[in-house]
Amino acid sequence: MAELKKGTRVTGGERDRLAADLRRKYDGGESIRALASSTGRSYGFVHRMLSESGVTLRGRGGATRRKHS
């Protein structure tokens, strides 16, 4: 995928293609942060595109914090 200029508006068919590509890669296991980095867009932009395309977002990875009792 070609890197997009940060802040460039993505509309119409180009937006649909980008959303489909992001969805395919996310479903394949890539993280939102990795997708943001590879496209040159922000985490929020990628998150919004995935949400708009109907993706079920995964929970956070890594260690979880527990309250000490």
C-alpha atoms as a PDB file:
ATOM      1  CA  MET A   1       0.000   0.000   0.000  1.00  0.00           C
ATOM      2  CA  ALA A   2       1.322   3.407  -0.905  1.00  0.00           C
ATOM      3  CA  GLU A   3       1.955   5.724   2.004  1.00  0.00           C
ATOM      4  CA  LEU A   4      -0.561   8.550   2.160  1.00  0.00           C
ATOM      5  CA  LYS A   5       0.387  12.099   3.009  1.00  0.00           C
ATOM      6  CA  LYS A   6      -0.586  12.840   6.579  1.00  0.00           C
ATOM      7  CA  GLY A   7      -3.792  14.833   6.730  1.00  0.00           C
ATOM      8  CA  THR A   8      -4.752  14.177   3.091  1.00  0.00           C
ATOM      9  CA  ARG A   9      -8.482  13.656   2.689  1.00  0.00           C
ATOM     10  CA  VAL A  10      -9.419  10.185   1.525  1.00  0.00           C
ATOM     11  CA  THR A  11     -12.829  10.087  -0.162  1.00  0.00           C
ATOM     12  CA  GLY A  12     -15.028   7.993  -2.422  1.00  0.00           C
ATOM     13  CA  GLY A  13     -13.622   4.881  -4.050  1.00  0.00           C
ATOM     14  CA  GLU A  14     -10.141   5.518  -2.683  1.00  0.00           C
ATOM     15  CA  ARG A  15     -11.550   5.526   0.867  1.00  0.00           C
ATOM     16  CA  ASP A  16     -13.443   2.280   0.182  1.00  0.00           C
ATOM     17  CA  ARG A  17     -10.299   0.613  -1.169  1.00  0.00           C
ATOM     18  CA  LEU A  18      -8.239   1.810   1.793  1.00  0.00           C
ATOM     19  CA  ALA A  19     -10.878   0.587   4.274  1.00  0.00           C
ATOM     20  CA  ALA A  20     -10.993  -2.838   2.563  1.00  0.00           C
ATOM     21  CA  ASP A  21      -7.187  -3.096   2.580  1.00  0.00           C
ATOM     22  CA  LEU A  22      -6.932  -2.065   6.242  1.00  0.00           C
ATOM     23  CA  ARG A  23      -9.685  -4.528   7.168  1.00  0.00           C
ATOM     24  CA  ARG A  24      -7.952  -7.388   5.327  1.00  0.00           C
ATOM     25  CA  LYS A  25      -4.634  -6.686   7.055  1.00  0.00           C
ATOM     26  CA  TYR A  26      -6.269  -6.207  10.482  1.00  0.00           C
ATOM     27  CA  ASP A  27      -8.197  -9.477  10.085  1.00  0.00           C
ATOM     28  CA  GLY A  28      -4.850 -11.046   9.137  1.00  0.00           C
ATOM     29  CA  GLY A  29      -3.424 -10.104  12.531  1.00  0.00           C
ATOM     30  CA  GLU A  30      -1.773  -6.709  12.059  1.00  0.00           C
ATOM     31  CA  SER A  31      -2.267  -4.205  14.853  1.00  0.00           C
ATOM     32  CA  ILE A  32      -3.856  -0.785  14.438  1.00  0.00           C
ATOM     33  CA  ARG A  33      -0.504   0.798  15.352  1.00  0.00           C
ATOM     34  CA  ALA A  34       1.301  -1.230  12.672  1.00  0.00           C
ATOM     35  CA  LEU A  35      -1.314  -0.253  10.088  1.00  0.00           C
ATOM     36  CA  ALA A  36      -1.063   3.395  11.095  1.00  0.00           C
ATOM     37  CA  SER A  37       2.708   3.276  10.736  1.00  0.00           C
ATOM     38  CA  SER A  38       2.630   1.532   7.338  1.00  0.00           C
ATOM     39  CA  THR A  39       0.070   3.961   5.890  1.00  0.00           C
ATOM     40  CA  GLY A  40       1.490   7.119   7.456  1.00  0.00           C
ATOM     41  CA  ARG A  41      -1.854   7.861   9.091  1.00  0.00           C
ATOM     42  CA  SER A  42      -2.745   8.322  12.744  1.00  0.00           C
ATOM     43  CA  TYR A  43      -3.931   5.587  15.083  1.00  0.00           C
ATOM     44  CA  GLY A  44      -7.288   7.388  15.344  1.00  0.00           C
ATOM     45  CA  PHE A  45      -7.733   7.520  11.563  1.00  0.00           C
ATOM     46  CA  VAL A  46      -7.059   3.794  11.166  1.00  0.00           C
ATOM     47  CA  HIS A  47      -9.303   2.960  14.153  1.00  0.00           C
ATOM     48  CA  ARG A  48     -12.126   5.043  12.630  1.00  0.00           C
ATOM     49  CA  MET A  49     -11.718   3.455   9.183  1.00  0.00           C
ATOM     50  CA  LEU A  50     -11.862  -0.034  10.686  1.00  0.00           C
ATOM     51  CA  SER A  51     -14.915   0.832  12.774  1.00  0.00           C
ATOM     52  CA  GLU A  52     -16.678   2.324   9.749  1.00  0.00           C
ATOM     53  CA  SER A  53     -15.991  -0.823   7.736  1.00  0.00           C
ATOM     54  CA  GLY A  54     -17.692  -2.990  10.366  1.00  0.00           C
ATOM     55  CA  VAL A  55     -14.632  -4.741  11.799  1.00  0.00           C
ATOM     56  CA  THR A  56     -14.970  -6.269  15.263  1.00  0.00           C
ATOM     57  CA  LEU A  57     -11.983  -4.738  17.021  1.00  0.00           C
ATOM     58  CA  ARG A  58      -9.794  -6.999  19.119  1.00  0.00           C
ATOM     59  CA  GLY A  59      -9.167  -6.340  22.787  1.00  0.00           C
ATOM     60  CA  ARG A  60      -5.885  -4.902  23.928  1.00  0.00           C
ATOM     61  CA  GLY A  61      -2.970  -7.302  23.937  1.00  0.00           C
ATOM     62  CA  GLY A  62      -0.136  -7.693  26.363  1.00  0.00           C
ATOM     63  CA  ALA A  63      -0.185  -8.102  30.099  1.00  0.00           C
ATOM     64  CA  THR A  64      -3.291  -7.033  31.912  1.00  0.00           C
ATOM     65  CA  ARG A  65      -3.215  -5.142  35.177  1.00  0.00           C
ATOM     66  CA  ARG A  66      -4.879  -6.614  38.210  1.00  0.00           C
ATOM     67  CA  LYS A  67      -5.782  -4.883  41.418  1.00  0.00           C
ATOM     68  CA  HIS A  68      -3.751  -6.071  44.353  1.00  0.00           C
ATOM     69  CA  SER A  69      -5.974  -7.284  47.166  1.00  0.00           C
END
